[in-house]
Amino acid sequence: MNDNNLWRGISPEARQRLEIRSYAQRDLAARLETTSVEVREIISDGGVPAGLEQAWIPGVAVFPRKVHPQPHRGFFGEFARETEGPLAAIGLWPRQWAAARMFAGTAKGFHIHPPYIPEGTDPAAWFRRLFLEEPGNMALRPYAKEQWDAMFFLQGIVEMVLVDERAGMPRRVMRLTLYGDDLPGPNNAGMVIPPGVAHALRAAGSQDVLMVYGTTTTFVPANEGRLASRVESCPLPDPWLDYLGKQV
């Protein structure tokens, strides 16, 4: 049966607007940039998964976590160890730890932290050296002078979006979904996010999201940049803003 016969029972006007959703799966790299992937599809020991080199944001790490259910009591999950594992491999250990809660149905970000650029150094040349020319030289990374985030999720389902906004770097987007420890399985992961990479989160399930994160520097309000963050302010509908004179 051709399409015209299939849809002959609806009006011509509706047929003009009709779209058919494709359920074909795009390749992993394309989904990482656009429609989102579950973190289990890209999880690794902290390195870049094979085949995603041209889609990955340099410096970002996604590493597995083990969550151990404890019957009749709850669960137990480790975050990181200073002397072994992915954070030890990149020489990153937070100077401050914090916790945050996101109510179901809410979002936060995009947040961005300023990268440290050595005096007299071109930013683009500096990033090329750090992440493209000498990516294995962790001693070059000025962790004490810029904020890197190490994130862990205890409860709920969260969608994360990352955008590389560093000067001279390809503007790549990564979109992924992680599960909290209350949902133990292959989607439990830790994240490392470099400065200069904008990051946003939204609660993707019916539960509040609980997270714990460590930072390589202590909290400084001036270093908390915001991009497209109006979603955090619970904006009023445009007709209400018109009536109020947009003074909110």
C-alpha atoms as a PDB file:
ATOM      1  CA  MET A   1       0.000   0.000   0.000  1.00  0.00           C
ATOM      2  CA  ASN A   2       1.510   3.342  -0.986  1.00  0.00           C
ATOM      3  CA  ASP A   3       1.683   6.332   1.375  1.00  0.00           C
ATOM      4  CA  ASN A   4      -1.205   8.153  -0.282  1.00  0.00           C
ATOM      5  CA  ASN A   5      -3.514   5.202   0.304  1.00  0.00           C
ATOM      6  CA  LEU A   6      -2.260   4.707   3.851  1.00  0.00           C
ATOM      7  CA  TRP A   7      -3.061   8.277   4.895  1.00  0.00           C
ATOM      8  CA  ARG A   8      -6.073   8.937   2.685  1.00  0.00           C
ATOM      9  CA  GLY A   9      -8.321   9.077   5.767  1.00  0.00           C
ATOM     10  CA  ILE A  10      -6.822  12.318   7.057  1.00  0.00           C
ATOM     11  CA  SER A  11      -7.222  15.811   5.623  1.00  0.00           C
ATOM     12  CA  PRO A  12      -4.919  17.072   2.854  1.00  0.00           C
ATOM     13  CA  GLU A  13      -3.758  19.868   5.179  1.00  0.00           C
ATOM     14  CA  ALA A  14      -2.675  17.367   7.811  1.00  0.00           C
ATOM     15  CA  ARG A  15      -0.942  15.228   5.199  1.00  0.00           C
ATOM     16  CA  GLN A  16       1.140  18.230   4.180  1.00  0.00           C
ATOM     17  CA  ARG A  17       2.424  18.493   7.755  1.00  0.00           C
ATOM     18  CA  LEU A  18       2.823  14.789   8.364  1.00  0.00           C
ATOM     19  CA  GLU A  19       6.215  13.466   9.451  1.00  0.00           C
ATOM     20  CA  ILE A  20       7.204   9.851  10.019  1.00  0.00           C
ATOM     21  CA  ARG A  21       9.637   9.206  12.826  1.00  0.00           C
ATOM     22  CA  SER A  22      12.642   7.096  11.946  1.00  0.00           C
ATOM     23  CA  TYR A  23      13.580   4.452  14.515  1.00  0.00           C
ATOM     24  CA  ALA A  24      16.834   3.591  12.788  1.00  0.00           C
ATOM     25  CA  GLN A  25      19.827   3.836  15.148  1.00  0.00           C
ATOM     26  CA  ARG A  26      22.483   6.350  14.194  1.00  0.00           C
ATOM     27  CA  ASP A  27      26.097   5.437  14.867  1.00  0.00           C
ATOM     28  CA  LEU A  28      27.448   5.923  18.384  1.00  0.00           C
ATOM     29  CA  ALA A  29      29.484   9.056  17.645  1.00  0.00           C
ATOM     30  CA  ALA A  30      26.477  10.779  16.051  1.00  0.00           C
ATOM     31  CA  ARG A  31      24.193   9.865  18.950  1.00  0.00           C
ATOM     32  CA  LEU A  32      26.764  11.083  21.488  1.00  0.00           C
ATOM     33  CA  GLU A  33      26.607  14.531  19.871  1.00  0.00           C
ATOM     34  CA  THR A  34      22.858  14.699  19.227  1.00  0.00           C
ATOM     35  CA  THR A  35      20.203  12.397  20.659  1.00  0.00           C
ATOM     36  CA  SER A  36      22.203  11.201  23.718  1.00  0.00           C
ATOM     37  CA  VAL A  37      23.698   7.863  24.727  1.00  0.00           C
ATOM     38  CA  GLU A  38      23.515   5.828  27.908  1.00  0.00           C
ATOM     39  CA  VAL A  39      26.829   6.100  29.691  1.00  0.00           C
ATOM     40  CA  ARG A  40      27.346   2.308  29.539  1.00  0.00           C
ATOM     41  CA  GLU A  41      27.894   2.708  25.766  1.00  0.00           C
ATOM     42  CA  ILE A  42      30.943   4.957  26.196  1.00  0.00           C
ATOM     43  CA  ILE A  43      32.301   4.017  29.603  1.00  0.00           C
ATOM     44  CA  SER A  44      36.002   3.217  29.805  1.00  0.00           C
ATOM     45  CA  ASP A  45      38.887   3.263  32.264  1.00  0.00           C
ATOM     46  CA  GLY A  46      39.020   7.027  31.882  1.00  0.00           C
ATOM     47  CA  GLY A  47      40.533   7.093  28.396  1.00  0.00           C
ATOM     48  CA  VAL A  48      38.827   7.774  25.079  1.00  0.00           C
ATOM     49  CA  PRO A  49      36.851   4.760  23.817  1.00  0.00           C
ATOM     50  CA  ALA A  50      38.042   3.360  20.494  1.00  0.00           C
ATOM     51  CA  GLY A  51      36.227   4.857  17.532  1.00  0.00           C
ATOM     52  CA  LEU A  52      35.155   8.018  19.359  1.00  0.00           C
ATOM     53  CA  GLU A  53      38.386   9.999  19.034  1.00  0.00           C
ATOM     54  CA  GLN A  54      36.801  12.554  16.666  1.00  0.00           C
ATOM     55  CA  ALA A  55      33.690  12.955  18.823  1.00  0.00           C
ATOM     56  CA  TRP A  56      35.262  13.080  22.293  1.00  0.00           C
ATOM     57  CA  ILE A  57      35.983  16.300  24.187  1.00  0.00           C
ATOM     58  CA  PRO A  58      39.684  16.169  25.191  1.00  0.00           C
ATOM     59  CA  GLY A  59      40.203  15.958  28.931  1.00  0.00           C
ATOM     60  CA  VAL A  60      36.759  14.547  29.691  1.00  0.00           C
ATOM     61  CA  ALA A  61      36.852  11.188  31.474  1.00  0.00           C
ATOM     62  CA  VAL A  62      34.000   8.717  32.004  1.00  0.00           C
ATOM     63  CA  PHE A  63      34.854   5.805  34.259  1.00  0.00           C
ATOM     64  CA  PRO A  64      32.908   2.888  35.754  1.00  0.00           C
ATOM     65  CA  ARG A  65      31.830   2.625  39.359  1.00  0.00           C
ATOM     66  CA  LYS A  66      30.808  -0.455  41.305  1.00  0.00           C
ATOM     67  CA  VAL A  67      27.705  -0.187  43.429  1.00  0.00           C
ATOM     68  CA  HIS A  68      27.175  -3.052  45.852  1.00  0.00           C
ATOM     69  CA  PRO A  69      23.582  -3.725  46.927  1.00  0.00           C
ATOM     70  CA  GLN A  70      23.273  -4.575  50.606  1.00  0.00           C
ATOM     71  CA  PRO A  71      20.034  -6.532  51.071  1.00  0.00           C
ATOM     72  CA  HIS A  72      17.648  -5.159  53.689  1.00  0.00           C
ATOM     73  CA  ARG A  73      19.874  -2.117  54.237  1.00  0.00           C
ATOM     74  CA  GLY A  74      20.605  -0.247  51.006  1.00  0.00           C
ATOM     75  CA  PHE A  75      23.760  -0.079  48.916  1.00  0.00           C
ATOM     76  CA  PHE A  76      27.439   0.862  49.053  1.00  0.00           C
ATOM     77  CA  GLY A  77      29.439   2.510  46.293  1.00  0.00           C
ATOM     78  CA  GLU A  78      32.945   3.953  46.186  1.00  0.00           C
ATOM     79  CA  PHE A  79      33.687   7.271  44.506  1.00  0.00           C
ATOM     80  CA  ALA A  80      37.432   7.266  43.949  1.00  0.00           C
ATOM     81  CA  ARG A  81      40.768   6.378  45.534  1.00  0.00           C
ATOM     82  CA  GLU A  82      43.606   8.868  45.667  1.00  0.00           C
ATOM     83  CA  THR A  83      46.325   6.316  44.948  1.00  0.00           C
ATOM     84  CA  GLU A  84      44.694   4.097  42.326  1.00  0.00           C
ATOM     85  CA  GLY A  85      42.089   4.173  39.585  1.00  0.00           C
ATOM     86  CA  PRO A  86      41.161   6.846  37.013  1.00  0.00           C
ATOM     87  CA  LEU A  87      41.746   9.923  39.197  1.00  0.00           C
ATOM     88  CA  ALA A  88      45.136   8.644  40.284  1.00  0.00           C
ATOM     89  CA  ALA A  89      46.045   7.980  36.642  1.00  0.00           C
ATOM     90  CA  ILE A  90      45.511  11.632  35.711  1.00  0.00           C
ATOM     91  CA  GLY A  91      46.959  13.012  38.969  1.00  0.00           C
ATOM     92  CA  LEU A  92      43.736  14.717  40.018  1.00  0.00           C
ATOM     93  CA  TRP A  93      42.590  14.821  43.630  1.00  0.00           C
ATOM     94  CA  PRO A  94      39.946  17.332  44.726  1.00  0.00           C
ATOM     95  CA  ARG A  95      40.622  20.080  47.258  1.00  0.00           C
ATOM     96  CA  GLN A  96      36.932  20.505  48.034  1.00  0.00           C
ATOM     97  CA  TRP A  97      33.959  18.136  48.113  1.00  0.00           C
ATOM     98  CA  ALA A  98      30.331  19.249  47.889  1.00  0.00           C
ATOM     99  CA  ALA A  99      26.849  17.825  47.463  1.00  0.00           C
ATOM    100  CA  ALA A 100      23.872  19.027  45.442  1.00  0.00           C
ATOM    101  CA  ARG A 101      20.244  18.062  45.004  1.00  0.00           C
ATOM    102  CA  MET A 102      18.134  18.667  41.902  1.00  0.00           C
ATOM    103  CA  PHE A 103      14.400  18.294  42.211  1.00  0.00           C
ATOM    104  CA  ALA A 104      12.712  16.034  39.660  1.00  0.00           C
ATOM    105  CA  GLY A 105      11.875  17.913  36.476  1.00  0.00           C
ATOM    106  CA  THR A 106      14.538  20.597  36.948  1.00  0.00           C
ATOM    107  CA  ALA A 107      17.787  21.465  35.198  1.00  0.00           C
ATOM    108  CA  LYS A 108      20.945  23.426  35.961  1.00  0.00           C
ATOM    109  CA  GLY A 109      23.648  25.057  33.883  1.00  0.00           C
ATOM    110  CA  PHE A 110      25.300  25.513  31.573  1.00  0.00           C
ATOM    111  CA  HIS A 111      28.178  26.074  34.028  1.00  0.00           C
ATOM    112  CA  ILE A 112      31.673  26.882  32.826  1.00  0.00           C
ATOM    113  CA  HIS A 113      34.935  27.505  34.687  1.00  0.00           C
ATOM    114  CA  PRO A 114      37.811  29.640  33.349  1.00  0.00           C
ATOM    115  CA  PRO A 115      40.913  27.704  32.243  1.00  0.00           C
ATOM    116  CA  TYR A 116      44.298  28.853  33.488  1.00  0.00           C
ATOM    117  CA  ILE A 117      46.540  30.160  30.679  1.00  0.00           C
ATOM    118  CA  PRO A 118      50.241  30.717  31.495  1.00  0.00           C
ATOM    119  CA  GLU A 119      51.419  34.295  31.094  1.00  0.00           C
ATOM    120  CA  GLY A 120      52.595  35.042  27.567  1.00  0.00           C
ATOM    121  CA  THR A 121      51.041  31.868  26.159  1.00  0.00           C
ATOM    122  CA  ASP A 122      48.506  31.731  23.350  1.00  0.00           C
ATOM    123  CA  PRO A 123      45.393  29.902  24.672  1.00  0.00           C
ATOM    124  CA  ALA A 124      44.908  27.809  21.547  1.00  0.00           C
ATOM    125  CA  ALA A 125      48.578  26.768  21.523  1.00  0.00           C
ATOM    126  CA  TRP A 126      48.374  25.906  25.240  1.00  0.00           C
ATOM    127  CA  PHE A 127      45.341  23.648  24.758  1.00  0.00           C
ATOM    128  CA  ARG A 128      46.938  21.962  21.743  1.00  0.00           C
ATOM    129  CA  ARG A 129      49.972  21.150  23.855  1.00  0.00           C
ATOM    130  CA  LEU A 130      47.915  19.889  26.829  1.00  0.00           C
ATOM    131  CA  PHE A 131      45.394  17.745  24.996  1.00  0.00           C
ATOM    132  CA  LEU A 132      46.686  17.031  21.486  1.00  0.00           C
ATOM    133  CA  GLU A 133      50.498  17.140  21.481  1.00  0.00           C
ATOM    134  CA  GLU A 134      51.254  15.854  25.001  1.00  0.00           C
ATOM    135  CA  PRO A 135      47.999  14.300  26.244  1.00  0.00           C
ATOM    136  CA  GLY A 136      49.818  11.812  28.454  1.00  0.00           C
ATOM    137  CA  ASN A 137      51.871  14.459  30.279  1.00  0.00           C
ATOM    138  CA  MET A 138      49.629  14.969  33.305  1.00  0.00           C
ATOM    139  CA  ALA A 139      52.314  17.036  35.048  1.00  0.00           C
ATOM    140  CA  LEU A 140      51.474  19.884  32.652  1.00  0.00           C
ATOM    141  CA  ARG A 141      47.913  20.190  33.936  1.00  0.00           C
ATOM    142  CA  PRO A 142      47.627  23.140  36.351  1.00  0.00           C
ATOM    143  CA  TYR A 143      44.984  21.547  38.593  1.00  0.00           C
ATOM    144  CA  ALA A 144      45.745  23.893  41.492  1.00  0.00           C
ATOM    145  CA  LYS A 145      45.095  26.973  39.331  1.00  0.00           C
ATOM    146  CA  GLU A 146      41.816  26.027  37.623  1.00  0.00           C
ATOM    147  CA  GLN A 147      38.681  24.113  38.518  1.00  0.00           C
ATOM    148  CA  TRP A 148      38.263  20.572  37.263  1.00  0.00           C
ATOM    149  CA  ASP A 149      35.147  18.730  38.408  1.00  0.00           C
ATOM    150  CA  ALA A 150      34.865  15.062  39.413  1.00  0.00           C
ATOM    151  CA  MET A 151      31.160  14.141  39.588  1.00  0.00           C
ATOM    152  CA  PHE A 152      29.304  11.184  41.098  1.00  0.00           C
ATOM    153  CA  PHE A 153      25.568  10.494  41.287  1.00  0.00           C
ATOM    154  CA  LEU A 154      23.866   8.853  44.250  1.00  0.00           C
ATOM    155  CA  GLN A 155      20.206   8.910  43.235  1.00  0.00           C
ATOM    156  CA  GLY A 156      18.036   9.370  40.182  1.00  0.00           C
ATOM    157  CA  ILE A 157      18.694   9.552  36.457  1.00  0.00           C
ATOM    158  CA  VAL A 158      20.542  12.539  35.047  1.00  0.00           C
ATOM    159  CA  GLU A 159      21.165  13.708  31.498  1.00  0.00           C
ATOM    160  CA  MET A 160      24.408  15.595  31.067  1.00  0.00           C
ATOM    161  CA  VAL A 161      25.398  17.806  28.129  1.00  0.00           C
ATOM    162  CA  LEU A 162      28.995  18.935  27.608  1.00  0.00           C
ATOM    163  CA  VAL A 163      30.225  21.559  25.127  1.00  0.00           C
ATOM    164  CA  ASP A 164      33.896  22.333  24.477  1.00  0.00           C
ATOM    165  CA  GLU A 165      34.254  26.133  24.457  1.00  0.00           C
ATOM    166  CA  ARG A 166      38.057  26.335  24.774  1.00  0.00           C
ATOM    167  CA  ALA A 167      39.819  28.681  22.374  1.00  0.00           C
ATOM    168  CA  GLY A 168      41.186  26.898  19.327  1.00  0.00           C
ATOM    169  CA  MET A 169      39.618  23.538  20.191  1.00  0.00           C
ATOM    170  CA  PRO A 170      36.957  21.866  17.995  1.00  0.00           C
ATOM    171  CA  ARG A 171      33.517  22.765  19.396  1.00  0.00           C
ATOM    172  CA  ARG A 172      32.306  19.282  20.243  1.00  0.00           C
ATOM    173  CA  VAL A 173      29.123  18.283  22.070  1.00  0.00           C
ATOM    174  CA  MET A 174      28.658  15.200  24.254  1.00  0.00           C
ATOM    175  CA  ARG A 175      25.210  14.195  25.535  1.00  0.00           C
ATOM    176  CA  LEU A 176      24.888  11.238  27.905  1.00  0.00           C
ATOM    177  CA  THR A 177      22.654   9.733  30.592  1.00  0.00           C
ATOM    178  CA  LEU A 178      23.925   8.411  33.935  1.00  0.00           C
ATOM    179  CA  TYR A 179      22.184   6.526  36.743  1.00  0.00           C
ATOM    180  CA  GLY A 180      22.536   7.059  40.459  1.00  0.00           C
ATOM    181  CA  ASP A 181      23.690   4.422  42.936  1.00  0.00           C
ATOM    182  CA  ASP A 182      20.069   3.589  43.776  1.00  0.00           C
ATOM    183  CA  LEU A 183      19.881   2.071  40.276  1.00  0.00           C
ATOM    184  CA  PRO A 184      22.962  -0.181  40.314  1.00  0.00           C
ATOM    185  CA  GLY A 185      24.201  -1.378  36.945  1.00  0.00           C
ATOM    186  CA  PRO A 186      26.374  -0.486  33.952  1.00  0.00           C
ATOM    187  CA  ASN A 187      25.136   3.122  33.861  1.00  0.00           C
ATOM    188  CA  ASN A 188      26.822   3.986  37.177  1.00  0.00           C
ATOM    189  CA  ALA A 189      29.812   6.150  36.308  1.00  0.00           C
ATOM    190  CA  GLY A 190      32.068   8.930  37.479  1.00  0.00           C
ATOM    191  CA  MET A 191      32.830  11.970  35.324  1.00  0.00           C
ATOM    192  CA  VAL A 192      35.809  14.315  35.036  1.00  0.00           C
ATOM    193  CA  ILE A 193      35.115  17.679  33.390  1.00  0.00           C
ATOM    194  CA  PRO A 194      37.907  20.153  32.513  1.00  0.00           C
ATOM    195  CA  PRO A 195      37.616  23.947  32.804  1.00  0.00           C
ATOM    196  CA  GLY A 196      36.461  25.604  29.601  1.00  0.00           C
ATOM    197  CA  VAL A 197      33.979  22.771  28.975  1.00  0.00           C
ATOM    198  CA  ALA A 198      30.427  23.984  29.565  1.00  0.00           C
ATOM    199  CA  HIS A 199      28.231  21.453  31.340  1.00  0.00           C
ATOM    200  CA  ALA A 200      24.517  21.210  32.045  1.00  0.00           C
ATOM    201  CA  LEU A 201      22.426  18.655  33.925  1.00  0.00           C
ATOM    202  CA  ARG A 202      18.757  17.812  34.056  1.00  0.00           C
ATOM    203  CA  ALA A 203      16.818  15.299  36.102  1.00  0.00           C
ATOM    204  CA  ALA A 204      15.648  12.770  33.537  1.00  0.00           C
ATOM    205  CA  GLY A 205      13.442  10.609  35.758  1.00  0.00           C
ATOM    206  CA  SER A 206      10.715  10.980  38.358  1.00  0.00           C
ATOM    207  CA  GLN A 207      13.156  11.155  41.286  1.00  0.00           C
ATOM    208  CA  ASP A 208      15.265  13.964  42.663  1.00  0.00           C
ATOM    209  CA  VAL A 209      18.918  13.725  41.642  1.00  0.00           C
ATOM    210  CA  LEU A 210      21.546  13.618  44.386  1.00  0.00           C
ATOM    211  CA  MET A 211      25.153  14.221  43.422  1.00  0.00           C
ATOM    212  CA  VAL A 212      28.542  14.570  45.069  1.00  0.00           C
ATOM    213  CA  TYR A 213      31.377  16.356  43.313  1.00  0.00           C
ATOM    214  CA  GLY A 214      34.968  17.207  44.013  1.00  0.00           C
ATOM    215  CA  THR A 215      36.801  20.231  42.615  1.00  0.00           C
ATOM    216  CA  THR A 216      40.509  20.887  42.210  1.00  0.00           C
ATOM    217  CA  THR A 217      40.103  24.407  43.615  1.00  0.00           C
ATOM    218  CA  THR A 218      37.858  25.744  46.340  1.00  0.00           C
ATOM    219  CA  PHE A 219      34.616  27.525  45.517  1.00  0.00           C
ATOM    220  CA  VAL A 220      35.049  31.066  44.122  1.00  0.00           C
ATOM    221  CA  PRO A 221      31.827  32.737  42.873  1.00  0.00           C
ATOM    222  CA  ALA A 222      33.726  34.770  40.268  1.00  0.00           C
ATOM    223  CA  ASN A 223      34.847  31.524  38.600  1.00  0.00           C
ATOM    224  CA  GLU A 224      31.293  30.211  38.218  1.00  0.00           C
ATOM    225  CA  GLY A 225      30.381  31.270  34.682  1.00  0.00           C
ATOM    226  CA  ARG A 226      26.905  30.710  33.253  1.00  0.00           C
ATOM    227  CA  LEU A 227      25.778  30.150  29.653  1.00  0.00           C
ATOM    228  CA  ALA A 228      22.130  29.801  28.588  1.00  0.00           C
ATOM    229  CA  SER A 229      21.165  29.288  32.237  1.00  0.00           C
ATOM    230  CA  ARG A 230      17.729  30.943  32.241  1.00  0.00           C
ATOM    231  CA  VAL A 231      16.235  27.486  32.803  1.00  0.00           C
ATOM    232  CA  GLU A 232      17.435  27.721  36.412  1.00  0.00           C
ATOM    233  CA  SER A 233      15.342  30.791  37.180  1.00  0.00           C
ATOM    234  CA  CYS A 234      11.960  29.124  36.604  1.00  0.00           C
ATOM    235  CA  PRO A 235      11.049  31.721  33.930  1.00  0.00           C
ATOM    236  CA  LEU A 236       7.504  33.010  33.795  1.00  0.00           C
ATOM    237  CA  PRO A 237       5.387  32.683  30.630  1.00  0.00           C
ATOM    238  CA  ASP A 238       5.833  35.523  28.151  1.00  0.00           C
ATOM    239  CA  PRO A 239       2.267  36.864  28.647  1.00  0.00           C
ATOM    240  CA  TRP A 240       2.959  37.196  32.381  1.00  0.00           C
ATOM    241  CA  LEU A 241       6.250  38.952  31.688  1.00  0.00           C
ATOM    242  CA  ASP A 242       4.458  41.366  29.355  1.00  0.00           C
ATOM    243  CA  TYR A 243       1.893  42.134  32.046  1.00  0.00           C
ATOM    244  CA  LEU A 244       4.563  42.582  34.725  1.00  0.00           C
ATOM    245  CA  GLY A 245       6.609  44.839  32.507  1.00  0.00           C
ATOM    246  CA  LYS A 246       9.407  42.242  32.382  1.00  0.00           C
ATOM    247  CA  GLN A 247      10.709  43.495  35.717  1.00  0.00           C
ATOM    248  CA  VAL A 248      11.422  39.984  37.026  1.00  0.00           C
END
